[in-house]
Amino acid sequence: MDRSKLIGKGIGIGALAIVGFLFFVYAFQYIWNITIPEVFGLKSLTYTQALCLLIISRILFGGFGFRWANSGKNKFWKERVKMKMQNMSPEEREEFKRRLSQKCKEW
């Protein structure tokens, strides 16, 4: 593929992402306006208010599922556990898994 086609494809994907995000804001506004005013007696949202509320929620809670930024941390721990388990006998591995499972249940 030549460079101009790649640039055009990138612009197309970027435009599609922007349109998708704008539709997401509209969907959020619509769902809010049909639910929240009736249930809690709050006001309806404008499109701009819905956008601002989503931005604020992203800042406060870090949502929207963008997890690739933390993938390096996960790789580190996966590699560390993998190396630890390679040096264990099958019985030790089972005991390790059992203890780890028990800790996760408690937490």
N, C-alpha and C. Protein backbone atom coordinates (compact mmCIF):
# COMPACT_ATOMS: atom_id res chain seq x y z
N MET A 1 0.85 -1.18 0.00
CA MET A 1 0.00 0.00 0.00
C MET A 1 0.89 1.24 0.00
N ASP A 2 0.53 2.19 -0.81
CA ASP A 2 1.35 3.40 -0.81
C ASP A 2 0.92 4.34 0.31
N ARG A 3 1.74 5.33 0.52
CA ARG A 3 1.59 6.24 1.65
C ARG A 3 0.26 7.00 1.64
N SER A 4 -0.20 7.45 0.48
CA SER A 4 -1.45 8.23 0.41
C SER A 4 -2.66 7.38 0.79
N LYS A 5 -2.64 6.09 0.42
CA LYS A 5 -3.75 5.21 0.80
C LYS A 5 -3.76 4.98 2.31
N LEU A 6 -2.57 4.84 2.90
CA LEU A 6 -2.50 4.66 4.35
C LEU A 6 -3.00 5.90 5.08
N ILE A 7 -2.62 7.06 4.59
CA ILE A 7 -3.08 8.32 5.21
C ILE A 7 -4.59 8.43 5.08
N GLY A 8 -5.12 8.13 3.89
CA GLY A 8 -6.58 8.17 3.70
C GLY A 8 -7.31 7.19 4.60
N LYS A 9 -6.73 6.00 4.76
CA LYS A 9 -7.33 5.00 5.64
C LYS A 9 -7.31 5.48 7.09
N GLY A 10 -6.19 6.09 7.50
CA GLY A 10 -6.08 6.62 8.86
C GLY A 10 -7.09 7.72 9.12
N ILE A 11 -7.27 8.60 8.13
CA ILE A 11 -8.25 9.68 8.27
C ILE A 11 -9.65 9.10 8.36
N GLY A 12 -9.92 8.08 7.54
CA GLY A 12 -11.24 7.43 7.59
C GLY A 12 -11.52 6.78 8.92
N ILE A 13 -10.53 6.09 9.47
CA ILE A 13 -10.70 5.45 10.77
C ILE A 13 -10.88 6.50 11.87
N GLY A 14 -10.09 7.58 11.78
CA GLY A 14 -10.24 8.67 12.76
C GLY A 14 -11.61 9.30 12.71
N ALA A 15 -12.10 9.54 11.47
CA ALA A 15 -13.43 10.13 11.31
C ALA A 15 -14.51 9.19 11.85
N LEU A 16 -14.34 7.91 11.59
CA LEU A 16 -15.30 6.92 12.10
C LEU A 16 -15.30 6.87 13.62
N ALA A 17 -14.11 6.99 14.22
CA ALA A 17 -14.01 7.01 15.69
C ALA A 17 -14.71 8.24 16.26
N ILE A 18 -14.52 9.39 15.62
CA ILE A 18 -15.17 10.62 16.09
C ILE A 18 -16.68 10.51 15.98
N VAL A 19 -17.16 10.00 14.84
CA VAL A 19 -18.61 9.83 14.67
C VAL A 19 -19.15 8.84 15.70
N GLY A 20 -18.41 7.77 15.95
CA GLY A 20 -18.83 6.80 16.96
C GLY A 20 -18.92 7.42 18.35
N PHE A 21 -17.93 8.24 18.69
CA PHE A 21 -17.95 8.90 20.00
C PHE A 21 -19.12 9.87 20.10
N LEU A 22 -19.37 10.64 19.04
CA LEU A 22 -20.50 11.58 19.06
C LEU A 22 -21.83 10.85 19.19
N PHE A 23 -21.94 9.70 18.54
CA PHE A 23 -23.15 8.89 18.69
C PHE A 23 -23.27 8.35 20.11
N PHE A 24 -22.14 7.97 20.72
CA PHE A 24 -22.13 7.50 22.10
C PHE A 24 -22.65 8.59 23.04
N VAL A 25 -22.21 9.83 22.82
CA VAL A 25 -22.68 10.95 23.64
C VAL A 25 -24.19 11.13 23.45
N TYR A 26 -24.65 11.05 22.20
CA TYR A 26 -26.08 11.18 21.93
C TYR A 26 -26.87 10.06 22.63
N ALA A 27 -26.36 8.83 22.56
CA ALA A 27 -27.04 7.71 23.21
C ALA A 27 -27.09 7.90 24.72
N PHE A 28 -25.99 8.38 25.30
CA PHE A 28 -25.96 8.67 26.74
C PHE A 28 -27.00 9.73 27.09
N GLN A 29 -27.06 10.79 26.30
CA GLN A 29 -28.04 11.86 26.55
C GLN A 29 -29.46 11.30 26.46
N TYR A 30 -29.72 10.52 25.43
CA TYR A 30 -31.06 9.96 25.23
C TYR A 30 -31.47 9.07 26.40
N ILE A 31 -30.57 8.16 26.80
CA ILE A 31 -30.88 7.25 27.91
C ILE A 31 -31.08 8.03 29.20
N TRP A 32 -30.24 9.02 29.44
CA TRP A 32 -30.39 9.87 30.62
C TRP A 32 -31.77 10.53 30.61
N ASN A 33 -32.12 11.15 29.49
CA ASN A 33 -33.35 11.94 29.42
C ASN A 33 -34.62 11.10 29.50
N ILE A 34 -34.56 9.83 29.13
CA ILE A 34 -35.76 9.01 29.27
C ILE A 34 -35.84 8.31 30.63
N THR A 35 -34.73 8.32 31.38
CA THR A 35 -34.70 7.59 32.65
C THR A 35 -34.61 8.50 33.87
N ILE A 36 -33.57 9.27 33.97
CA ILE A 36 -33.22 10.00 35.19
C ILE A 36 -34.27 11.04 35.60
N PRO A 37 -34.78 11.87 34.68
CA PRO A 37 -35.78 12.85 35.13
C PRO A 37 -37.02 12.21 35.74
N GLU A 38 -37.43 11.09 35.17
CA GLU A 38 -38.63 10.43 35.67
C GLU A 38 -38.37 9.71 37.00
N VAL A 39 -37.22 9.07 37.12
CA VAL A 39 -36.92 8.28 38.31
C VAL A 39 -36.51 9.17 39.49
N PHE A 40 -35.61 10.12 39.25
CA PHE A 40 -35.06 10.93 40.33
C PHE A 40 -35.55 12.37 40.35
N GLY A 41 -36.31 12.78 39.36
CA GLY A 41 -36.82 14.14 39.32
C GLY A 41 -35.78 15.18 38.95
N LEU A 42 -34.70 14.78 38.29
CA LEU A 42 -33.67 15.72 37.86
C LEU A 42 -34.01 16.27 36.48
N LYS A 43 -33.27 17.30 36.05
CA LYS A 43 -33.50 17.91 34.75
C LYS A 43 -32.97 17.04 33.62
N SER A 44 -33.49 17.29 32.43
CA SER A 44 -32.96 16.65 31.23
C SER A 44 -31.62 17.29 30.87
N LEU A 45 -30.80 16.55 30.14
CA LEU A 45 -29.49 17.04 29.73
C LEU A 45 -29.53 17.54 28.29
N THR A 46 -28.74 18.57 28.01
CA THR A 46 -28.48 18.95 26.63
C THR A 46 -27.31 18.11 26.14
N TYR A 47 -27.05 18.17 24.84
CA TYR A 47 -25.95 17.40 24.26
C TYR A 47 -24.61 17.82 24.89
N THR A 48 -24.41 19.12 25.04
CA THR A 48 -23.16 19.63 25.61
C THR A 48 -23.01 19.18 27.06
N GLN A 49 -24.08 19.20 27.83
CA GLN A 49 -24.02 18.75 29.21
C GLN A 49 -23.69 17.26 29.29
N ALA A 50 -24.26 16.47 28.37
CA ALA A 50 -23.96 15.04 28.35
C ALA A 50 -22.49 14.81 28.04
N LEU A 51 -21.95 15.55 27.08
CA LEU A 51 -20.54 15.45 26.73
C LEU A 51 -19.66 15.80 27.93
N CYS A 52 -19.96 16.90 28.58
CA CYS A 52 -19.18 17.33 29.75
C CYS A 52 -19.27 16.31 30.88
N LEU A 53 -20.44 15.76 31.11
CA LEU A 53 -20.61 14.76 32.16
C LEU A 53 -19.78 13.50 31.86
N LEU A 54 -19.73 13.08 30.60
CA LEU A 54 -18.91 11.93 30.24
C LEU A 54 -17.42 12.22 30.42
N ILE A 55 -16.99 13.42 30.07
CA ILE A 55 -15.59 13.80 30.26
C ILE A 55 -15.23 13.81 31.74
N ILE A 56 -16.11 14.37 32.55
CA ILE A 56 -15.86 14.41 33.99
C ILE A 56 -15.81 13.00 34.57
N SER A 57 -16.72 12.13 34.13
CA SER A 57 -16.71 10.77 34.64
C SER A 57 -15.44 10.04 34.22
N ARG A 58 -14.95 10.33 33.02
CA ARG A 58 -13.70 9.72 32.55
C ARG A 58 -12.53 10.19 33.42
N ILE A 59 -12.50 11.45 33.76
CA ILE A 59 -11.43 11.98 34.60
C ILE A 59 -11.49 11.38 36.00
N LEU A 60 -12.68 11.32 36.57
CA LEU A 60 -12.82 10.85 37.94
C LEU A 60 -12.67 9.34 38.08
N PHE A 61 -13.23 8.59 37.14
CA PHE A 61 -13.30 7.13 37.30
C PHE A 61 -12.43 6.36 36.32
N GLY A 62 -11.91 7.02 35.29
CA GLY A 62 -11.03 6.35 34.34
C GLY A 62 -11.70 5.23 33.57
N GLY A 63 -12.93 5.42 33.20
CA GLY A 63 -13.69 4.36 32.54
C GLY A 63 -13.48 4.28 31.05
N PHE A 64 -14.45 3.80 30.34
CA PHE A 64 -14.53 3.63 28.89
C PHE A 64 -13.68 2.47 28.38
N GLY A 65 -13.05 1.71 29.28
CA GLY A 65 -12.39 0.48 28.88
C GLY A 65 -11.10 0.61 28.12
N PHE A 66 -10.37 1.69 28.20
CA PHE A 66 -9.09 1.81 27.52
C PHE A 66 -8.03 1.17 28.39
N ARG A 67 -7.79 -0.12 28.21
CA ARG A 67 -6.93 -0.88 29.09
C ARG A 67 -5.53 -1.10 28.53
N TRP A 68 -5.30 -0.77 27.26
CA TRP A 68 -3.99 -1.08 26.69
C TRP A 68 -2.86 -0.29 27.32
N ALA A 69 -3.16 0.80 28.00
CA ALA A 69 -2.11 1.60 28.64
C ALA A 69 -1.45 0.84 29.79
N ASN A 70 -2.17 -0.08 30.43
CA ASN A 70 -1.63 -0.82 31.58
C ASN A 70 -1.10 -2.20 31.20
N SER A 71 -1.06 -2.52 29.91
CA SER A 71 -0.69 -3.88 29.52
C SER A 71 0.74 -4.22 29.94
N GLY A 72 1.63 -3.24 30.02
CA GLY A 72 3.00 -3.50 30.45
C GLY A 72 3.07 -4.02 31.87
N LYS A 73 2.26 -3.46 32.75
CA LYS A 73 2.23 -3.93 34.14
C LYS A 73 1.75 -5.37 34.21
N ASN A 74 0.71 -5.68 33.43
CA ASN A 74 0.17 -7.04 33.45
C ASN A 74 1.19 -8.04 32.93
N LYS A 75 1.94 -7.67 31.89
CA LYS A 75 2.97 -8.57 31.36
C LYS A 75 4.02 -8.87 32.41
N PHE A 76 4.41 -7.87 33.16
CA PHE A 76 5.43 -8.07 34.19
C PHE A 76 4.99 -9.13 35.19
N TRP A 77 3.76 -8.99 35.70
CA TRP A 77 3.29 -9.93 36.71
C TRP A 77 3.05 -11.31 36.13
N LYS A 78 2.55 -11.40 34.91
CA LYS A 78 2.34 -12.70 34.28
C LYS A 78 3.67 -13.43 34.09
N GLU A 79 4.68 -12.71 33.63
CA GLU A 79 6.00 -13.32 33.44
C GLU A 79 6.59 -13.77 34.78
N ARG A 80 6.40 -12.96 35.80
CA ARG A 80 6.94 -13.30 37.11
C ARG A 80 6.31 -14.58 37.66
N VAL A 81 4.98 -14.69 37.55
CA VAL A 81 4.29 -15.90 38.02
C VAL A 81 4.68 -17.10 37.17
N LYS A 82 4.81 -16.88 35.86
CA LYS A 82 5.18 -17.97 34.96
C LYS A 82 6.56 -18.52 35.33
N MET A 83 7.52 -17.63 35.58
CA MET A 83 8.86 -18.07 35.96
C MET A 83 8.85 -18.80 37.29
N LYS A 84 8.03 -18.30 38.22
CA LYS A 84 7.96 -18.93 39.54
C LYS A 84 7.38 -20.34 39.42
N MET A 85 6.36 -20.50 38.56
CA MET A 85 5.70 -21.79 38.43
C MET A 85 6.54 -22.80 37.67
N GLN A 86 7.47 -22.33 36.81
CA GLN A 86 8.32 -23.25 36.08
C GLN A 86 9.24 -24.03 37.01
N ASN A 87 9.60 -23.42 38.11
CA ASN A 87 10.52 -24.05 39.06
C ASN A 87 9.81 -24.90 40.11
N MET A 88 8.50 -25.06 39.99
CA MET A 88 7.73 -25.82 40.98
C MET A 88 7.40 -27.21 40.46
N SER A 89 7.24 -28.12 41.40
CA SER A 89 6.76 -29.45 41.04
C SER A 89 5.24 -29.35 40.79
N PRO A 90 4.64 -30.35 40.15
CA PRO A 90 3.19 -30.30 39.92
C PRO A 90 2.38 -30.15 41.21
N GLU A 91 2.82 -30.77 42.30
CA GLU A 91 2.10 -30.65 43.56
C GLU A 91 2.20 -29.23 44.12
N GLU A 92 3.40 -28.64 43.98
CA GLU A 92 3.58 -27.27 44.44
C GLU A 92 2.74 -26.29 43.62
N ARG A 93 2.65 -26.55 42.31
CA ARG A 93 1.81 -25.70 41.46
C ARG A 93 0.35 -25.73 41.89
N GLU A 94 -0.15 -26.93 42.15
CA GLU A 94 -1.53 -27.06 42.57
C GLU A 94 -1.77 -26.35 43.90
N GLU A 95 -0.83 -26.50 44.83
CA GLU A 95 -0.95 -25.82 46.13
C GLU A 95 -0.90 -24.30 45.95
N PHE A 96 -0.03 -23.81 45.07
CA PHE A 96 0.07 -22.38 44.78
C PHE A 96 -1.24 -21.86 44.21
N LYS A 97 -1.80 -22.58 43.24
CA LYS A 97 -3.07 -22.17 42.63
C LYS A 97 -4.19 -22.16 43.66
N ARG A 98 -4.19 -23.18 44.54
CA ARG A 98 -5.24 -23.26 45.56
C ARG A 98 -5.14 -22.06 46.51
N ARG A 99 -3.93 -21.74 46.97
CA ARG A 99 -3.75 -20.60 47.88
C ARG A 99 -4.10 -19.27 47.21
N LEU A 100 -3.70 -19.13 45.94
CA LEU A 100 -4.01 -17.91 45.21
C LEU A 100 -5.52 -17.76 45.04
N SER A 101 -6.18 -18.85 44.71
CA SER A 101 -7.64 -18.82 44.56
C SER A 101 -8.31 -18.45 45.88
N GLN A 102 -7.81 -19.00 46.98
CA GLN A 102 -8.37 -18.70 48.30
C GLN A 102 -8.18 -17.23 48.65
N LYS A 103 -6.99 -16.68 48.35
CA LYS A 103 -6.73 -15.26 48.62
C LYS A 103 -7.67 -14.36 47.82
N CYS A 104 -7.90 -14.73 46.56
CA CYS A 104 -8.78 -13.92 45.71
C CYS A 104 -10.23 -13.94 46.22
N LYS A 105 -10.64 -15.08 46.75
CA LYS A 105 -12.00 -15.18 47.30
C LYS A 105 -12.15 -14.31 48.54
N GLU A 106 -11.12 -14.24 49.36
CA GLU A 106 -11.16 -13.43 50.58
C GLU A 106 -11.17 -11.96 50.27
N TRP A 107 -10.45 -11.59 49.21
CA TRP A 107 -10.31 -10.18 48.87
C TRP A 107 -11.56 -9.70 48.23
